[in-house]
Every structure is written in C-alpha cells, then in structure tokens.
C-alpha cells in the first residue's frame, strides 16, 4: 500500500511561529507512514470573488491544485483574538470558491494547535470545526489537540519532547487512521 499524502496547513504565516515548529515536530513522529507537504498560505492575496476566473485568482488555483493532490489535511493553528487567524480563513475561503468548485470537499482533516495559555487554541479549533462542516471535510473529533506551549515541548533538534511524545504520536497515528478510513470517493 502506498503512503498517504497529507497536506499540512499552518495557520500562522510567521516563520518563527510556535505552531510551525509544532507542525514540523508532528510530521517527524510518523515519517514512514505518510508523505507530508506543507501548503504555504502566506503569499495569498485577500480573496475577492471579483477575481474568480482572472489572472488575479492564480495563487488560489495553484493552492487548490495542491489541496486536491492530498488525501488528508492537518491544520496546525494559533488562536487570534479567540478565533481563526485571518490568513487561514482567507485560504479556506479562497480554496472553496467559486461556489461548487471547492478543493476542500471530502478531504479528511484534523486540527491541533499550541499557545502558551492553558486552553491551547481551543476556540480557534472549534471555529475551524464549524467551518469544516460547511466545507464538507470529515474532521477527526478525538483525540483533541489543545497543546500548551512550554519549555521542552520541542527539543533543540525540532523533535517533540518526551513529556508530549506519546500523546502526540498517538494523535498522529489516529489522524492517519482517520484519513485512511474516510477517503474521498
């Protein structure tokens, strides 16, 4: 059986993002089980339906092509003002338009995120789950991934530290099982 191809979308556009570091650590936990492709959203213009079908829509068309090549999506996101970061919402909107041409439809997904606070991006994740329902993305419900960022979560080499290693390895294994079980037709 061939490896699953998983798209990874980091909700932060900062190269120093703790969620980017978490995403990089997560994919290292299961390297033999899937091929991971990070989908950059930082270059996307603000979505405007007036640009559908014009050269201005090219960044979204390229993103949609990459989305369609994936069998599953892992979203690793911070929380901005108790919700989804604007860049992530923009990518979700642009990837779903024009109406009836969504690249997201039917792709199994999971969401996880980290913040220094104890709630670990819970509100942003819930908002994403609501969006995923509309986008027709079957989303893994358990285990939830509310990860508090603290010293030792990621080691100096970029690997998940010992305190979270087992939980996050199980999270990733469950996610890959979810993707296998919920493949689009």
N, C-alpha and C. Protein backbone atom coordinates (compact mmCIF):
# COMPACT_ATOMS: atom_id res chain seq x y z
N UNK A 1 0.84 -1.18 0.00
CA UNK A 1 0.00 0.00 0.00
C UNK A 1 0.88 1.24 0.00
N UNK A 2 0.55 2.22 -0.80
CA UNK A 2 1.36 3.43 -0.88
C UNK A 2 1.08 4.33 0.32
N UNK A 3 2.02 5.20 0.58
CA UNK A 3 1.87 6.15 1.68
C UNK A 3 0.79 7.16 1.38
N UNK A 4 0.13 7.60 2.44
CA UNK A 4 -0.82 8.68 2.31
C UNK A 4 -0.09 9.98 2.03
N UNK A 5 -0.72 10.86 1.27
CA UNK A 5 -0.17 12.20 1.06
C UNK A 5 -1.02 13.15 1.90
N UNK A 6 -0.38 13.82 2.84
CA UNK A 6 -1.06 14.70 3.77
C UNK A 6 -0.60 16.13 3.57
N UNK A 7 -1.55 17.03 3.37
CA UNK A 7 -1.24 18.45 3.33
C UNK A 7 -1.22 19.00 4.75
N UNK A 8 -0.25 19.86 5.02
CA UNK A 8 -0.14 20.49 6.34
C UNK A 8 -0.31 21.99 6.13
N UNK A 9 -1.30 22.56 6.81
CA UNK A 9 -1.56 23.99 6.73
C UNK A 9 -1.32 24.58 8.11
N UNK A 10 -0.35 25.48 8.19
CA UNK A 10 -0.05 26.17 9.45
C UNK A 10 -0.78 27.50 9.41
N UNK A 11 -1.59 27.76 10.42
CA UNK A 11 -2.42 28.96 10.45
C UNK A 11 -1.66 30.25 10.62
N UNK A 12 -0.43 30.17 11.10
CA UNK A 12 0.40 31.36 11.25
C UNK A 12 1.30 31.50 10.04
N UNK A 13 1.50 32.72 9.59
CA UNK A 13 2.40 32.96 8.47
C UNK A 13 3.81 33.32 8.93
N UNK A 14 4.03 33.43 10.23
CA UNK A 14 5.35 33.76 10.77
C UNK A 14 6.29 32.56 10.66
N UNK A 15 7.49 32.79 10.19
CA UNK A 15 8.48 31.71 10.12
C UNK A 15 8.94 31.29 11.52
N UNK A 16 8.76 32.14 12.52
CA UNK A 16 9.14 31.82 13.90
C UNK A 16 7.95 31.26 14.70
N UNK A 17 6.86 30.98 14.06
CA UNK A 17 5.64 30.52 14.71
C UNK A 17 5.87 29.26 15.54
N UNK A 18 5.34 29.26 16.76
CA UNK A 18 5.41 28.04 17.57
C UNK A 18 4.55 26.94 16.95
N UNK A 19 3.50 27.31 16.25
CA UNK A 19 2.67 26.30 15.59
C UNK A 19 3.37 25.71 14.37
N UNK A 20 4.19 26.48 13.69
CA UNK A 20 5.01 25.93 12.60
C UNK A 20 5.99 24.92 13.18
N UNK A 21 6.60 25.26 14.31
CA UNK A 21 7.54 24.33 14.96
C UNK A 21 6.82 23.06 15.42
N UNK A 22 5.61 23.23 15.96
CA UNK A 22 4.83 22.07 16.36
C UNK A 22 4.52 21.19 15.14
N UNK A 23 4.09 21.80 14.05
CA UNK A 23 3.77 21.04 12.83
C UNK A 23 4.99 20.27 12.33
N UNK A 24 6.14 20.91 12.33
CA UNK A 24 7.36 20.24 11.88
C UNK A 24 7.71 19.06 12.79
N UNK A 25 7.48 19.24 14.09
CA UNK A 25 7.72 18.14 15.03
C UNK A 25 6.72 17.01 14.85
N UNK A 26 5.47 17.34 14.60
CA UNK A 26 4.43 16.32 14.41
C UNK A 26 4.73 15.41 13.23
N UNK A 27 5.14 15.99 12.11
CA UNK A 27 5.38 15.15 10.93
C UNK A 27 6.59 14.24 11.12
N UNK A 28 7.49 14.63 12.01
CA UNK A 28 8.64 13.77 12.32
C UNK A 28 8.26 12.54 13.14
N UNK A 29 7.09 12.57 13.76
CA UNK A 29 6.67 11.44 14.59
C UNK A 29 6.27 10.22 13.77
N UNK A 30 5.81 10.42 12.55
CA UNK A 30 5.31 9.31 11.72
C UNK A 30 5.85 9.40 10.29
N UNK A 31 7.16 9.56 10.12
CA UNK A 31 7.69 9.80 8.77
C UNK A 31 7.51 8.63 7.81
N UNK A 32 7.44 7.42 8.33
CA UNK A 32 7.31 6.26 7.45
C UNK A 32 5.87 5.94 7.09
N UNK A 33 4.93 6.65 7.69
CA UNK A 33 3.53 6.34 7.48
C UNK A 33 2.84 7.25 6.47
N UNK A 34 3.46 8.39 6.16
CA UNK A 34 2.83 9.33 5.24
C UNK A 34 3.87 10.27 4.66
N UNK A 35 3.52 10.85 3.52
CA UNK A 35 4.31 11.93 2.94
C UNK A 35 3.57 13.23 3.26
N UNK A 36 4.29 14.17 3.84
CA UNK A 36 3.68 15.43 4.26
C UNK A 36 4.14 16.57 3.36
N UNK A 37 3.20 17.39 2.95
CA UNK A 37 3.51 18.57 2.15
C UNK A 37 2.94 19.81 2.85
N UNK A 38 3.85 20.72 3.20
CA UNK A 38 3.41 21.97 3.82
C UNK A 38 2.86 22.89 2.73
N UNK A 39 1.64 23.36 2.92
CA UNK A 39 0.99 24.24 1.96
C UNK A 39 1.07 25.67 2.48
N UNK A 40 1.88 26.48 1.83
CA UNK A 40 2.10 27.86 2.26
C UNK A 40 0.87 28.71 1.94
N UNK A 41 0.41 29.48 2.93
CA UNK A 41 -0.74 30.36 2.72
C UNK A 41 -0.36 31.83 2.83
N UNK A 42 0.90 32.11 3.15
CA UNK A 42 1.33 33.49 3.40
C UNK A 42 1.35 34.39 2.18
N UNK A 43 1.42 33.83 1.01
CA UNK A 43 1.52 34.62 -0.23
C UNK A 43 0.16 34.93 -0.86
N UNK A 44 -0.89 34.36 -0.31
CA UNK A 44 -2.21 34.50 -0.93
C UNK A 44 -2.76 35.92 -0.79
N UNK A 45 -3.33 36.47 -1.86
CA UNK A 45 -4.00 37.78 -1.73
C UNK A 45 -5.30 37.59 -0.95
N UNK A 46 -5.87 38.67 -0.49
CA UNK A 46 -7.17 38.59 0.16
C UNK A 46 -8.18 38.14 -0.89
N UNK A 47 -8.93 37.07 -0.55
CA UNK A 47 -9.88 36.54 -1.52
C UNK A 47 -10.95 37.57 -1.86
N UNK A 48 -11.26 37.67 -3.16
CA UNK A 48 -12.31 38.54 -3.66
C UNK A 48 -12.96 37.83 -4.84
N UNK A 49 -14.24 37.56 -4.75
CA UNK A 49 -14.91 36.80 -5.82
C UNK A 49 -14.85 37.51 -7.16
N UNK A 50 -14.63 38.81 -7.18
CA UNK A 50 -14.50 39.53 -8.45
C UNK A 50 -13.31 39.03 -9.26
N UNK A 51 -12.35 38.39 -8.60
CA UNK A 51 -11.15 37.91 -9.28
C UNK A 51 -11.28 36.47 -9.79
N UNK A 52 -12.40 35.78 -9.45
CA UNK A 52 -12.58 34.40 -9.92
C UNK A 52 -12.45 34.35 -11.44
N UNK A 53 -11.67 33.39 -11.92
CA UNK A 53 -11.51 33.21 -13.35
C UNK A 53 -10.59 34.20 -14.03
N UNK A 54 -9.93 35.06 -13.25
CA UNK A 54 -8.99 36.03 -13.81
C UNK A 54 -7.57 35.67 -13.38
N UNK A 55 -6.57 36.30 -13.97
CA UNK A 55 -5.19 36.02 -13.54
C UNK A 55 -4.94 36.30 -12.05
N UNK A 56 -5.72 37.21 -11.46
CA UNK A 56 -5.55 37.51 -10.04
C UNK A 56 -5.87 36.31 -9.15
N UNK A 57 -6.63 35.35 -9.66
CA UNK A 57 -7.00 34.16 -8.90
C UNK A 57 -5.96 33.05 -8.97
N UNK A 58 -4.88 33.26 -9.73
CA UNK A 58 -3.88 32.22 -9.93
C UNK A 58 -3.30 31.65 -8.63
N UNK A 59 -2.97 32.46 -7.61
CA UNK A 59 -2.46 31.85 -6.37
C UNK A 59 -3.44 30.88 -5.73
N UNK A 60 -4.73 31.18 -5.81
CA UNK A 60 -5.72 30.27 -5.25
C UNK A 60 -5.87 29.02 -6.11
N UNK A 61 -5.79 29.17 -7.42
CA UNK A 61 -5.88 28.00 -8.30
C UNK A 61 -4.70 27.05 -8.06
N UNK A 62 -3.52 27.62 -7.83
CA UNK A 62 -2.35 26.78 -7.54
C UNK A 62 -2.52 26.07 -6.20
N UNK A 63 -3.03 26.79 -5.19
CA UNK A 63 -3.29 26.17 -3.89
C UNK A 63 -4.32 25.05 -4.03
N UNK A 64 -5.38 25.30 -4.77
CA UNK A 64 -6.43 24.29 -4.95
C UNK A 64 -5.89 23.03 -5.62
N UNK A 65 -5.00 23.19 -6.56
CA UNK A 65 -4.39 22.04 -7.22
C UNK A 65 -3.59 21.20 -6.21
N UNK A 66 -2.86 21.87 -5.34
CA UNK A 66 -2.07 21.16 -4.32
C UNK A 66 -3.00 20.49 -3.30
N UNK A 67 -4.08 21.16 -2.93
CA UNK A 67 -5.05 20.57 -2.00
C UNK A 67 -5.62 19.30 -2.59
N UNK A 68 -6.03 19.36 -3.83
CA UNK A 68 -6.67 18.21 -4.49
C UNK A 68 -5.74 17.01 -4.60
N UNK A 69 -4.43 17.24 -4.56
CA UNK A 69 -3.47 16.13 -4.65
C UNK A 69 -3.28 15.42 -3.31
N UNK A 70 -3.89 15.94 -2.26
CA UNK A 70 -3.71 15.38 -0.92
C UNK A 70 -4.89 14.48 -0.54
N UNK A 71 -4.59 13.48 0.28
CA UNK A 71 -5.61 12.57 0.76
C UNK A 71 -6.14 12.98 2.14
N UNK A 72 -5.42 13.84 2.82
CA UNK A 72 -5.84 14.32 4.13
C UNK A 72 -5.20 15.67 4.40
N UNK A 73 -5.77 16.40 5.38
CA UNK A 73 -5.25 17.72 5.74
C UNK A 73 -5.08 17.82 7.26
N UNK A 74 -3.90 18.26 7.65
CA UNK A 74 -3.60 18.54 9.05
C UNK A 74 -3.47 20.05 9.20
N UNK A 75 -4.33 20.63 10.02
CA UNK A 75 -4.29 22.06 10.29
C UNK A 75 -3.68 22.28 11.67
N UNK A 76 -2.61 23.07 11.71
CA UNK A 76 -1.92 23.39 12.96
C UNK A 76 -1.99 24.90 13.10
N UNK A 77 -2.75 25.36 14.10
CA UNK A 77 -3.07 26.78 14.10
C UNK A 77 -2.96 27.45 15.46
N UNK A 78 -2.54 28.71 15.44
CA UNK A 78 -2.66 29.52 16.64
C UNK A 78 -4.10 30.02 16.77
N UNK A 79 -4.33 30.78 17.81
CA UNK A 79 -5.62 31.42 18.01
C UNK A 79 -5.38 32.92 18.00
N UNK A 80 -6.11 33.63 17.17
CA UNK A 80 -6.02 35.09 17.11
C UNK A 80 -7.33 35.68 17.60
N UNK A 81 -7.27 36.40 18.68
CA UNK A 81 -8.47 37.05 19.23
C UNK A 81 -9.62 36.06 19.40
N UNK A 82 -9.30 34.89 19.94
CA UNK A 82 -10.27 33.82 20.22
C UNK A 82 -10.92 33.23 18.98
N UNK A 83 -10.22 33.29 17.85
CA UNK A 83 -10.77 32.73 16.62
C UNK A 83 -9.65 32.30 15.68
N UNK A 84 -10.02 32.07 14.46
CA UNK A 84 -9.13 31.60 13.40
C UNK A 84 -8.28 32.77 12.88
N UNK A 85 -6.98 32.58 12.68
CA UNK A 85 -6.17 33.63 12.07
C UNK A 85 -6.71 34.02 10.69
N UNK A 86 -6.61 35.29 10.37
CA UNK A 86 -7.16 35.81 9.11
C UNK A 86 -6.56 35.10 7.89
N UNK A 87 -5.26 34.83 7.90
CA UNK A 87 -4.63 34.19 6.75
C UNK A 87 -5.20 32.79 6.51
N UNK A 88 -5.49 32.08 7.59
CA UNK A 88 -6.06 30.74 7.46
C UNK A 88 -7.49 30.81 6.93
N UNK A 89 -8.29 31.70 7.46
CA UNK A 89 -9.67 31.86 6.98
C UNK A 89 -9.68 32.24 5.50
N UNK A 90 -8.76 33.10 5.11
CA UNK A 90 -8.64 33.52 3.72
C UNK A 90 -8.32 32.31 2.82
N UNK A 91 -7.39 31.45 3.26
CA UNK A 91 -7.04 30.27 2.47
C UNK A 91 -8.22 29.31 2.35
N UNK A 92 -8.96 29.15 3.45
CA UNK A 92 -10.13 28.28 3.41
C UNK A 92 -11.18 28.83 2.45
N UNK A 93 -11.42 30.14 2.52
CA UNK A 93 -12.40 30.77 1.63
C UNK A 93 -11.97 30.67 0.17
N UNK A 94 -10.74 31.06 -0.11
CA UNK A 94 -10.26 31.04 -1.49
C UNK A 94 -10.20 29.64 -2.08
N UNK A 95 -9.90 28.64 -1.24
CA UNK A 95 -9.85 27.26 -1.71
C UNK A 95 -11.22 26.64 -1.93
N UNK A 96 -12.26 27.33 -1.46
CA UNK A 96 -13.61 26.80 -1.61
C UNK A 96 -14.41 27.50 -2.70
N UNK A 97 -13.84 28.44 -3.39
CA UNK A 97 -14.56 29.25 -4.36
C UNK A 97 -13.99 29.10 -5.75
N UNK A 98 -14.72 29.42 -6.78
CA UNK A 98 -16.12 29.81 -6.80
C UNK A 98 -17.01 28.69 -6.28
N UNK A 99 -18.23 29.07 -5.89
CA UNK A 99 -19.16 28.11 -5.33
C UNK A 99 -19.28 26.90 -6.25
N UNK A 100 -19.24 25.73 -5.62
CA UNK A 100 -19.34 24.48 -6.38
C UNK A 100 -18.00 23.95 -6.84
N UNK A 101 -16.92 24.68 -6.60
CA UNK A 101 -15.59 24.26 -7.05
C UNK A 101 -14.60 24.15 -5.89
N UNK A 102 -15.11 23.79 -4.72
CA UNK A 102 -14.25 23.70 -3.54
C UNK A 102 -13.23 22.58 -3.67
N UNK A 103 -12.00 22.89 -3.36
CA UNK A 103 -10.94 21.88 -3.34
C UNK A 103 -10.95 21.10 -2.02
N UNK A 104 -11.59 21.64 -1.01
CA UNK A 104 -11.58 21.03 0.32
C UNK A 104 -12.58 19.87 0.46
N UNK A 105 -13.61 19.86 -0.34
CA UNK A 105 -14.73 18.95 -0.16
C UNK A 105 -14.29 17.49 -0.11
N UNK A 106 -14.69 16.82 0.97
CA UNK A 106 -14.45 15.39 1.12
C UNK A 106 -13.09 15.01 1.66
N UNK A 107 -12.20 15.96 1.90
CA UNK A 107 -10.86 15.63 2.39
C UNK A 107 -10.91 15.48 3.92
N UNK A 108 -10.51 14.31 4.44
CA UNK A 108 -10.48 14.13 5.89
C UNK A 108 -9.45 15.07 6.52
N UNK A 109 -9.81 15.62 7.69
CA UNK A 109 -8.96 16.63 8.32
C UNK A 109 -8.82 16.40 9.82
N UNK A 110 -7.81 17.04 10.38
CA UNK A 110 -7.63 17.13 11.82
C UNK A 110 -7.09 18.52 12.12
N UNK A 111 -7.37 18.98 13.33
CA UNK A 111 -6.89 20.29 13.75
C UNK A 111 -6.24 20.16 15.12
N UNK A 112 -5.14 20.87 15.27
CA UNK A 112 -4.37 20.89 16.51
C UNK A 112 -3.71 22.26 16.58
N UNK A 113 -3.31 22.66 17.76
CA UNK A 113 -2.63 23.94 17.87
C UNK A 113 -2.02 24.12 19.24
N UNK A 114 -1.16 25.11 19.34
CA UNK A 114 -0.46 25.37 20.58
C UNK A 114 -0.46 26.85 20.89
N UNK A 115 -0.50 27.14 22.19
CA UNK A 115 -0.33 28.51 22.68
C UNK A 115 0.23 28.42 24.09
N UNK A 116 0.81 29.52 24.58
CA UNK A 116 1.33 29.50 25.95
C UNK A 116 0.22 29.33 27.00
N UNK A 117 -0.99 29.69 26.67
CA UNK A 117 -2.10 29.57 27.61
C UNK A 117 -2.60 28.15 27.75
N UNK A 118 -3.25 27.86 28.86
CA UNK A 118 -3.72 26.52 29.15
C UNK A 118 -4.78 26.01 28.18
N UNK A 119 -5.54 26.89 27.57
CA UNK A 119 -6.60 26.46 26.65
C UNK A 119 -6.06 26.01 25.30
N UNK A 120 -4.82 26.34 24.99
CA UNK A 120 -4.14 25.83 23.80
C UNK A 120 -4.92 25.90 22.51
N UNK A 121 -5.45 27.01 22.13
CA UNK A 121 -6.15 27.28 20.86
C UNK A 121 -7.52 26.61 20.73
N UNK A 122 -8.16 26.34 21.85
CA UNK A 122 -9.46 25.64 21.83
C UNK A 122 -10.52 26.40 21.04
N UNK A 123 -10.59 27.72 21.19
CA UNK A 123 -11.62 28.49 20.47
C UNK A 123 -11.38 28.47 18.96
N UNK A 124 -10.14 28.68 18.55
CA UNK A 124 -9.83 28.65 17.11
C UNK A 124 -10.16 27.28 16.53
N UNK A 125 -9.84 26.22 17.27
CA UNK A 125 -10.13 24.88 16.78
C UNK A 125 -11.63 24.65 16.64
N UNK A 126 -12.40 25.12 17.59
CA UNK A 126 -13.85 24.95 17.48
C UNK A 126 -14.41 25.73 16.29
N UNK A 127 -13.90 26.93 16.08
CA UNK A 127 -14.35 27.71 14.91
C UNK A 127 -13.98 26.99 13.61
N UNK A 128 -12.78 26.40 13.57
CA UNK A 128 -12.38 25.65 12.38
C UNK A 128 -13.30 24.45 12.16
N UNK A 129 -13.65 23.76 13.22
CA UNK A 129 -14.54 22.60 13.08
C UNK A 129 -15.88 23.03 12.47
N UNK A 130 -16.38 24.19 12.87
CA UNK A 130 -17.62 24.70 12.29
C UNK A 130 -17.45 24.99 10.81
N UNK A 131 -16.33 25.58 10.43
CA UNK A 131 -16.05 25.87 9.03
C UNK A 131 -15.93 24.57 8.23
N UNK A 132 -15.25 23.58 8.81
CA UNK A 132 -15.05 22.31 8.12
C UNK A 132 -16.36 21.59 7.83
N UNK A 133 -17.35 21.76 8.69
CA UNK A 133 -18.67 21.17 8.42
C UNK A 133 -19.21 21.73 7.10
N UNK A 134 -19.16 23.05 6.94
CA UNK A 134 -19.66 23.67 5.71
C UNK A 134 -18.82 23.24 4.50
N UNK A 135 -17.50 23.10 4.70
CA UNK A 135 -16.62 22.74 3.59
C UNK A 135 -16.67 21.24 3.26
N UNK A 136 -17.46 20.48 4.01
CA UNK A 136 -17.63 19.04 3.79
C UNK A 136 -16.32 18.29 3.99
N UNK A 137 -15.62 18.64 5.08
CA UNK A 137 -14.37 17.96 5.43
C UNK A 137 -14.63 17.11 6.68
N UNK A 138 -14.67 15.78 6.54
CA UNK A 138 -14.84 14.95 7.73
C UNK A 138 -13.67 15.17 8.68
N UNK A 139 -13.96 15.61 9.89
CA UNK A 139 -12.92 16.06 10.81
C UNK A 139 -12.83 15.15 12.02
N UNK A 140 -11.61 14.72 12.31
CA UNK A 140 -11.35 13.86 13.47
C UNK A 140 -11.78 14.59 14.74
N UNK A 141 -12.60 13.94 15.54
CA UNK A 141 -13.10 14.55 16.78
C UNK A 141 -12.23 14.25 17.99
N UNK A 142 -11.67 13.06 18.05
CA UNK A 142 -10.84 12.65 19.19
C UNK A 142 -9.61 11.93 18.69
N UNK A 143 -8.48 12.11 19.31
CA UNK A 143 -8.26 12.97 20.45
C UNK A 143 -8.17 14.43 20.01
N UNK A 144 -8.53 15.32 20.91
CA UNK A 144 -8.37 16.74 20.64
C UNK A 144 -6.93 17.11 20.94
N UNK A 145 -6.46 18.16 20.29
CA UNK A 145 -5.06 18.56 20.44
C UNK A 145 -4.92 19.98 20.91
N UNK A 146 -5.18 20.21 22.19
CA UNK A 146 -5.00 21.54 22.78
C UNK A 146 -3.66 21.50 23.51
N UNK A 147 -2.61 21.97 22.85
CA UNK A 147 -1.25 21.79 23.33
C UNK A 147 -0.73 23.09 23.93
N UNK A 148 -0.39 23.04 25.21
CA UNK A 148 0.20 24.22 25.84
C UNK A 148 1.68 24.27 25.50
N UNK A 149 2.09 25.43 24.98
CA UNK A 149 3.50 25.61 24.62
C UNK A 149 4.30 25.90 25.87
N UNK A 150 5.25 25.06 26.15
CA UNK A 150 6.15 25.29 27.28
C UNK A 150 7.52 24.72 26.96
N UNK A 151 8.47 25.08 27.78
CA UNK A 151 9.84 24.61 27.62
C UNK A 151 9.85 23.09 27.50
N UNK A 152 10.54 22.58 26.49
CA UNK A 152 10.67 21.14 26.31
C UNK A 152 9.65 20.50 25.39
N UNK A 153 8.63 21.27 24.96
CA UNK A 153 7.67 20.69 24.02
C UNK A 153 8.38 20.26 22.74
N UNK A 154 9.26 21.13 22.26
CA UNK A 154 10.08 20.83 21.09
C UNK A 154 11.54 20.91 21.54
N UNK A 155 12.33 19.88 21.24
CA UNK A 155 13.73 19.91 21.67
C UNK A 155 14.58 20.74 20.70
N UNK A 156 15.87 20.84 20.98
CA UNK A 156 16.77 21.67 20.18
C UNK A 156 16.88 21.19 18.74
N UNK A 157 16.58 19.93 18.48
CA UNK A 157 16.66 19.38 17.13
C UNK A 157 15.32 19.45 16.38
N UNK A 158 14.29 20.04 17.02
CA UNK A 158 12.99 20.17 16.37
C UNK A 158 12.06 18.99 16.58
N UNK A 159 12.43 18.07 17.46
CA UNK A 159 11.60 16.91 17.73
C UNK A 159 10.68 17.17 18.92
N UNK A 160 9.57 16.45 18.97
CA UNK A 160 8.66 16.53 20.10
C UNK A 160 9.38 15.99 21.33
N UNK A 161 9.31 16.74 22.42
CA UNK A 161 9.98 16.35 23.66
C UNK A 161 9.30 15.17 24.35
N UNK A 162 9.97 14.61 25.35
CA UNK A 162 9.46 13.39 26.00
C UNK A 162 8.12 13.55 26.70
N UNK A 163 7.83 14.70 27.26
CA UNK A 163 6.58 14.87 28.02
C UNK A 163 5.34 14.75 27.12
N UNK A 164 5.45 15.11 25.86
CA UNK A 164 4.30 15.08 24.94
C UNK A 164 4.45 14.05 23.83
N UNK A 165 5.57 13.37 23.77
CA UNK A 165 5.87 12.46 22.67
C UNK A 165 4.81 11.38 22.49
N UNK A 166 4.45 10.68 23.56
CA UNK A 166 3.49 9.56 23.42
C UNK A 166 2.12 10.06 23.00
N UNK A 167 1.63 11.11 23.65
CA UNK A 167 0.30 11.63 23.30
C UNK A 167 0.27 12.09 21.84
N UNK A 168 1.28 12.86 21.41
CA UNK A 168 1.25 13.39 20.05
C UNK A 168 1.50 12.31 19.00
N UNK A 169 2.27 11.29 19.35
CA UNK A 169 2.44 10.16 18.42
C UNK A 169 1.10 9.45 18.24
N UNK A 170 0.37 9.23 19.33
CA UNK A 170 -0.96 8.61 19.23
C UNK A 170 -1.91 9.50 18.43
N UNK A 171 -1.82 10.82 18.65
CA UNK A 171 -2.66 11.75 17.90
C UNK A 171 -2.42 11.59 16.40
N UNK A 172 -1.16 11.58 16.00
CA UNK A 172 -0.83 11.47 14.58
C UNK A 172 -1.23 10.10 14.02
N UNK A 173 -1.04 9.05 14.78
CA UNK A 173 -1.46 7.72 14.31
C UNK A 173 -2.97 7.65 14.13
N UNK A 174 -3.71 8.20 15.08
CA UNK A 174 -5.17 8.23 14.96
C UNK A 174 -5.59 9.06 13.75
N UNK A 175 -4.90 10.18 13.52
CA UNK A 175 -5.22 11.01 12.36
C UNK A 175 -5.01 10.23 11.06
N UNK A 176 -3.89 9.55 10.93
CA UNK A 176 -3.63 8.80 9.70
C UNK A 176 -4.65 7.67 9.53
N UNK A 177 -5.05 7.05 10.63
CA UNK A 177 -6.12 6.05 10.55
C UNK A 177 -7.42 6.70 10.08
N UNK A 178 -7.70 7.91 10.58
CA UNK A 178 -8.91 8.66 10.19
C UNK A 178 -8.90 8.93 8.68
N UNK A 179 -7.76 9.37 8.19
CA UNK A 179 -7.65 9.66 6.76
C UNK A 179 -7.87 8.38 5.94
N UNK A 180 -7.27 7.29 6.36
CA UNK A 180 -7.45 6.04 5.64
C UNK A 180 -8.91 5.60 5.62
N UNK A 181 -9.60 5.79 6.72
CA UNK A 181 -10.99 5.37 6.86
C UNK A 181 -11.95 6.25 6.08
N UNK A 182 -11.62 7.53 5.91
CA UNK A 182 -12.56 8.49 5.33
C UNK A 182 -12.09 9.05 3.98
N UNK A 183 -11.50 8.23 3.18
CA UNK A 183 -11.05 8.68 1.85
C UNK A 183 -12.21 9.16 1.01
N UNK A 184 -11.95 10.23 0.24
CA UNK A 184 -13.00 10.71 -0.67
C UNK A 184 -13.24 9.69 -1.76
N UNK A 185 -14.46 9.72 -2.22
CA UNK A 185 -14.85 8.78 -3.28
C UNK A 185 -14.34 9.26 -4.62
